[in-house]
Amino acid sequence: MDRDRAIGVFDSGVGGLSILRALRVELPGEDFAYFSDAGHAPYGERSEEFVTSRSLAIALDLLERHRIKALVVACNTATAAAVHLLRAQHVELPVIGVEPALKPAAALTHTGHVAVLATRGTLSSAKFDALLTSLRGQAEFTLVPCDGLAAAIEADDTARIRELCRRYTAGACRFGNGAGEVDTVVLGCTHYPFAAQVFGELLGPQIQLVETGAPVARQTRRLLQERGLLNPNGSGRVHWHTSGSPEALHAAAARWLGLAADGGALRPTPAATGPARCAEAPSP
């Protein structure tokens, strides 16, 4: 396989940009092809069958369009629903999934109490249940389904984001550094790091916020290195694709990653079911 090929990354929307951000720090010479399935977001409130279908279709589109050398499933819900099928269907392709950072949180907590903020789809999945079971006795985990938060972040609705962050932290548990209090919070959806500032303001600096971007980026590097696929001297280009609004994706990339989309051409993309459009632009 050609090491100059792009790494594919996809999410139900712009949340996967938090993973792409970490990947670009860890692998600055690599090219990426990012697919935002915003036309079908949020995955966390969709059926497992729907998420699986979209995941398989998007992976195929990225393979056909870019001949990608690796695939990062930058969505907890899609990982839980489809990562095993993606690996089975594309055995030649390194497939990296994400999961809520329960293990790092269990290692970080001083009080032994951790809150996990995630979508309902992630928290109800068999994969998450297996992860939780594997950590039994290492910490006490309070699970908080955050309905609507990913959608609010997707829409960049700051008032709604703050309202939902307040709602889901106010009654969830007692936060603090005392006995029986939660001192560590897992941001268990790739969208949620973009609300980290709001969570920090609501919870205070003594509460640790844990996300998954850096571990995923390190795992991607390791798998590429094992297969001789690292490309340290590439252009760092990002190809943008979306089933939603290209303008919204470009705005999110500029807002959260500092990537410009100037000169990008909008054109139809045949990715999977439903209407889809894409845009492609060089990163600076």
Protein backbone atom coordinates (compact mmCIF):
# COMPACT_ATOMS: atom_id res chain seq x y z
CA MET A 1 0.00 0.00 0.00
CA ASP A 2 1.21 3.51 -0.88
CA ARG A 3 2.28 5.54 2.18
CA ASP A 4 1.33 8.76 0.35
CA ARG A 5 -2.38 7.94 0.54
CA ALA A 6 -4.65 9.89 2.87
CA ILE A 7 -5.98 8.70 6.22
CA GLY A 8 -9.78 8.57 6.24
CA VAL A 9 -11.66 10.06 9.21
CA PHE A 10 -15.42 10.20 9.63
CA ASP A 11 -18.03 11.21 12.17
CA SER A 12 -21.74 11.95 12.21
CA GLY A 13 -20.87 15.63 11.97
CA VAL A 14 -18.18 18.02 13.16
CA GLY A 15 -17.43 16.25 16.45
CA GLY A 16 -14.78 14.16 14.76
CA LEU A 17 -12.83 17.36 14.19
CA SER A 18 -11.65 16.95 17.81
CA ILE A 19 -10.05 13.66 16.75
CA LEU A 20 -8.71 15.18 13.52
CA ARG A 21 -7.16 17.97 15.59
CA ALA A 22 -5.22 15.42 17.66
CA LEU A 23 -4.27 13.40 14.57
CA ARG A 24 -2.79 16.46 12.85
CA VAL A 25 -0.69 17.23 15.93
CA GLU A 26 0.58 13.64 16.16
CA LEU A 27 0.98 13.14 12.38
CA PRO A 28 1.67 16.57 10.85
CA GLY A 29 2.98 15.17 7.56
CA GLU A 30 -0.07 13.05 6.77
CA ASP A 31 -2.91 13.89 4.41
CA PHE A 32 -6.47 13.34 5.64
CA ALA A 33 -9.89 12.84 4.07
CA TYR A 34 -12.60 13.90 6.51
CA PHE A 35 -16.24 12.94 6.01
CA SER A 36 -18.89 14.71 8.09
CA ASP A 37 -22.20 12.87 7.85
CA ALA A 38 -24.06 15.96 9.05
CA GLY A 39 -27.01 15.19 6.81
CA HIS A 40 -27.75 12.20 9.05
CA ALA A 41 -26.58 13.51 12.45
CA PRO A 42 -26.61 12.88 15.32
CA TYR A 43 -25.76 9.18 15.29
CA GLY A 44 -26.30 8.91 19.04
CA GLU A 45 -30.05 9.23 18.54
CA ARG A 46 -30.25 6.86 15.52
CA SER A 47 -30.77 3.09 15.44
CA GLU A 48 -27.77 0.77 15.45
CA GLU A 49 -28.78 -0.57 12.03
CA PHE A 50 -28.83 2.93 10.54
CA VAL A 51 -25.44 3.85 12.00
CA THR A 52 -23.93 0.59 10.76
CA SER A 53 -25.26 1.17 7.25
CA ARG A 54 -23.90 4.71 7.09
CA SER A 55 -20.52 3.67 8.49
CA LEU A 56 -20.02 0.93 5.91
CA ALA A 57 -21.11 3.19 3.05
CA ILE A 58 -18.86 6.08 4.07
CA ALA A 59 -15.86 3.77 4.46
CA LEU A 60 -16.45 2.45 0.94
CA ASP A 61 -16.77 5.99 -0.43
CA LEU A 62 -13.48 7.07 1.16
CA LEU A 63 -11.75 3.98 -0.21
CA GLU A 64 -13.08 4.57 -3.72
CA ARG A 65 -12.45 8.32 -3.70
CA HIS A 66 -9.07 8.48 -1.94
CA ARG A 67 -7.80 4.88 -1.71
CA ILE A 68 -7.22 5.63 1.96
CA LYS A 69 -4.47 3.74 3.82
CA ALA A 70 -6.21 3.78 7.23
CA LEU A 71 -9.63 4.63 8.62
CA VAL A 72 -10.34 6.42 11.90
CA VAL A 73 -13.93 6.04 13.09
CA ALA A 74 -14.07 9.34 14.96
CA CYS A 75 -17.41 8.65 16.62
CA ASN A 76 -18.15 6.62 19.74
CA THR A 77 -21.58 5.54 18.50
CA ALA A 78 -20.28 4.42 15.08
CA THR A 79 -17.38 2.59 16.72
CA ALA A 80 -19.75 0.68 18.99
CA ALA A 81 -22.10 -0.20 16.14
CA ALA A 82 -19.78 -0.89 13.22
CA VAL A 83 -16.04 -1.07 13.92
CA HIS A 84 -16.06 -4.89 14.03
CA LEU A 85 -17.84 -5.04 10.66
CA LEU A 86 -15.49 -2.48 9.12
CA ARG A 87 -12.49 -4.55 10.20
CA ALA A 88 -14.07 -7.73 8.87
CA GLN A 89 -14.92 -6.21 5.48
CA HIS A 90 -11.61 -4.39 5.02
CA VAL A 91 -8.98 -6.68 6.48
CA GLU A 92 -6.21 -4.91 4.56
CA LEU A 93 -7.06 -1.57 6.17
CA PRO A 94 -6.03 -0.43 9.66
CA VAL A 95 -9.32 0.63 11.30
CA ILE A 96 -9.06 2.68 14.49
CA GLY A 97 -12.12 3.25 16.63
CA VAL A 98 -12.76 5.49 19.60
CA GLU A 99 -14.28 4.75 22.96
CA PRO A 100 -15.05 6.91 25.99
CA ALA A 101 -11.84 7.37 27.98
CA LEU A 102 -12.91 5.36 31.03
CA LYS A 103 -9.53 3.70 31.48
CA PRO A 104 -7.54 6.96 31.61
CA ALA A 105 -10.22 8.47 33.89
CA ALA A 106 -10.01 5.53 36.31
CA ALA A 107 -6.25 6.07 36.48
CA LEU A 108 -6.58 9.83 37.02
CA THR A 109 -9.34 10.04 39.64
CA HIS A 110 -8.33 10.65 43.25
CA THR A 111 -11.77 10.20 44.75
CA GLY A 112 -12.58 7.04 42.80
CA HIS A 113 -15.71 8.62 41.28
CA VAL A 114 -16.03 9.40 37.57
CA ALA A 115 -18.92 10.86 35.54
CA VAL A 116 -19.30 9.72 31.93
CA LEU A 117 -21.10 12.16 29.64
CA ALA A 118 -22.08 10.51 26.36
CA THR A 119 -24.89 9.94 23.91
CA ARG A 120 -27.64 7.52 24.77
CA GLY A 121 -26.57 5.32 21.85
CA THR A 122 -23.05 4.96 23.20
CA LEU A 123 -24.11 4.29 26.79
CA SER A 124 -26.61 1.60 25.75
CA SER A 125 -24.22 -0.26 23.43
CA ALA A 126 -22.82 -3.71 24.14
CA LYS A 127 -19.30 -2.43 23.46
CA PHE A 128 -19.61 0.23 26.15
CA ASP A 129 -21.10 -2.27 28.59
CA ALA A 130 -18.12 -4.57 28.03
CA LEU A 131 -15.73 -1.67 28.65
CA LEU A 132 -17.55 -0.72 31.84
CA THR A 133 -17.54 -4.33 33.06
CA SER A 134 -13.81 -4.63 32.43
CA LEU A 135 -13.19 -1.72 34.83
CA ARG A 136 -15.38 -2.97 37.65
CA GLY A 137 -13.75 -2.19 40.99
CA GLN A 138 -11.34 0.39 39.56
CA ALA A 139 -13.75 3.34 39.98
CA GLU A 140 -17.40 4.22 40.44
CA PHE A 141 -18.88 5.46 37.15
CA THR A 142 -21.98 7.66 36.93
CA LEU A 143 -23.44 7.51 33.42
CA VAL A 144 -25.09 10.67 32.08
CA PRO A 145 -26.89 10.52 28.70
CA CYS A 146 -26.71 13.99 27.16
CA ASP A 147 -29.60 14.11 24.71
CA GLY A 148 -29.36 17.02 22.28
CA LEU A 149 -25.88 18.22 23.21
CA ALA A 150 -24.13 16.89 20.11
CA ALA A 151 -26.79 18.50 17.93
CA ALA A 152 -26.38 21.85 19.71
CA ILE A 153 -22.61 21.72 19.18
CA GLU A 154 -23.18 20.76 15.55
CA ALA A 155 -25.35 23.87 15.15
CA ASP A 156 -22.91 26.04 17.14
CA ASP A 157 -25.86 27.13 19.29
CA THR A 158 -23.96 28.64 22.21
CA ALA A 159 -27.01 29.36 24.36
CA ARG A 160 -28.33 25.82 23.92
CA ILE A 161 -24.88 24.32 24.58
CA ARG A 162 -24.61 26.18 27.88
CA GLU A 163 -28.15 25.27 28.88
CA LEU A 164 -27.61 21.56 28.22
CA CYS A 165 -24.18 21.46 29.87
CA ARG A 166 -25.72 23.03 32.97
CA ARG A 167 -28.65 20.61 32.91
CA TYR A 168 -26.52 17.49 32.58
CA THR A 169 -24.04 18.44 35.29
CA ALA A 170 -26.42 20.04 37.81
CA GLY A 171 -28.29 16.92 38.83
CA ALA A 172 -25.89 14.19 37.81
CA CYS A 173 -23.83 13.88 40.98
CA ARG A 174 -21.77 15.84 43.49
CA PHE A 175 -18.62 17.28 41.99
CA GLY A 176 -15.53 18.03 44.03
CA ASN A 177 -12.46 16.53 45.62
CA GLY A 178 -14.09 15.17 48.77
CA ALA A 179 -15.02 11.62 49.67
CA GLY A 180 -17.78 10.31 47.41
CA GLU A 181 -17.53 13.26 45.02
CA VAL A 182 -16.83 13.12 41.29
CA ASP A 183 -13.48 14.70 40.45
CA THR A 184 -13.11 13.40 36.88
CA VAL A 185 -15.47 13.76 33.90
CA VAL A 186 -15.20 11.74 30.70
CA LEU A 187 -16.30 13.65 27.60
CA GLY A 188 -17.63 10.50 25.94
CA CYS A 189 -18.67 11.94 22.58
CA THR A 190 -16.25 13.43 20.07
CA HIS A 191 -18.43 16.55 19.91
CA TYR A 192 -18.13 17.28 23.62
CA PRO A 193 -14.50 18.56 23.68
CA PHE A 194 -15.83 21.60 21.82
CA ALA A 195 -17.93 22.34 24.91
CA ALA A 196 -15.01 21.78 27.30
CA GLN A 197 -14.71 25.48 28.11
CA VAL A 198 -18.37 25.58 29.18
CA PHE A 199 -18.00 22.43 31.28
CA GLY A 200 -14.87 23.91 32.85
CA GLU A 201 -16.66 27.11 33.78
CA LEU A 202 -19.58 25.19 35.29
CA LEU A 203 -17.55 22.61 37.21
CA GLY A 204 -14.47 24.59 38.17
CA PRO A 205 -10.75 23.99 37.60
CA GLN A 206 -10.53 21.22 40.21
CA ILE A 207 -12.54 18.83 38.01
CA GLN A 208 -10.53 16.91 35.41
CA LEU A 209 -12.02 16.66 31.90
CA VAL A 210 -10.84 13.65 29.88
CA GLU A 211 -11.22 13.18 26.12
CA THR A 212 -9.98 10.58 23.63
CA GLY A 213 -8.22 12.45 20.82
CA ALA A 214 -4.59 12.02 21.86
CA PRO A 215 -4.79 8.25 22.58
CA VAL A 216 -6.52 7.66 19.24
CA ALA A 217 -3.81 9.64 17.43
CA ARG A 218 -1.05 7.65 19.13
CA GLN A 219 -2.74 4.37 18.22
CA THR A 220 -3.05 5.51 14.61
CA ARG A 221 0.65 6.33 14.51
CA ARG A 222 1.54 2.94 15.99
CA LEU A 223 -0.50 0.97 13.46
CA LEU A 224 0.85 2.96 10.51
CA GLN A 225 4.40 2.52 11.76
CA GLU A 226 3.92 -1.24 12.14
CA ARG A 227 2.87 -1.48 8.48
CA GLY A 228 5.49 0.90 7.13
CA LEU A 229 2.85 3.44 6.13
CA LEU A 230 3.98 6.57 7.98
CA ASN A 231 4.45 9.62 5.77
CA PRO A 232 6.34 12.26 7.78
CA ASN A 233 7.04 14.48 4.77
CA GLY A 234 3.58 14.90 3.24
CA SER A 235 1.66 18.09 2.66
CA GLY A 236 -0.74 17.90 5.62
CA ARG A 237 -3.63 18.45 3.21
CA VAL A 238 -7.22 17.88 4.35
CA HIS A 239 -9.93 16.88 1.87
CA TRP A 240 -13.39 17.83 3.17
CA HIS A 241 -16.53 15.82 2.46
CA THR A 242 -20.01 16.09 3.93
CA SER A 243 -23.56 14.92 3.46
CA GLY A 244 -24.70 18.24 4.94
CA SER A 245 -23.64 21.82 4.35
CA PRO A 246 -20.06 22.30 3.06
CA GLU A 247 -20.18 25.88 4.30
CA ALA A 248 -21.03 24.72 7.83
CA LEU A 249 -18.18 22.19 7.79
CA HIS A 250 -15.70 24.78 6.55
CA ALA A 251 -16.85 27.21 9.24
CA ALA A 252 -16.39 24.54 11.94
CA ALA A 253 -12.93 23.65 10.62
CA ALA A 254 -11.95 27.31 10.71
CA ARG A 255 -13.46 27.84 14.17
CA TRP A 256 -12.04 24.81 15.95
CA LEU A 257 -8.97 23.81 13.93
CA GLY A 258 -7.89 27.08 12.36
CA LEU A 259 -8.07 25.48 8.88
CA ALA A 260 -9.01 27.68 5.96
CA ALA A 261 -11.17 26.47 3.09
CA ASP A 262 -10.38 29.30 0.69
CA GLY A 263 -10.37 28.12 -2.88
CA GLY A 264 -12.27 24.94 -2.11
CA ALA A 265 -14.62 23.74 -4.83
CA LEU A 266 -18.06 22.41 -3.95
CA ARG A 267 -19.17 19.43 -5.99
CA PRO A 268 -21.61 16.51 -5.62
CA THR A 269 -20.42 13.38 -3.86
CA PRO A 270 -22.10 10.00 -4.33
CA ALA A 271 -21.46 8.86 -0.77
CA ALA A 272 -24.03 6.32 0.39
CA THR A 273 -27.74 6.93 0.73
CA GLY A 274 -29.35 10.32 0.77
CA PRO A 275 -28.27 13.69 -0.61
CA ALA A 276 -24.62 14.48 -0.14
CA ARG A 277 -22.18 17.19 -1.10
CA CYS A 278 -18.50 17.61 -0.56
CA ALA A 279 -15.86 20.27 -0.66
CA GLU A 280 -12.12 20.00 -1.01
CA ALA A 281 -9.55 22.56 0.03
CA PRO A 282 -5.91 22.64 1.07
CA SER A 283 -5.08 23.25 4.69
CA PRO A 284 -2.55 25.97 5.43
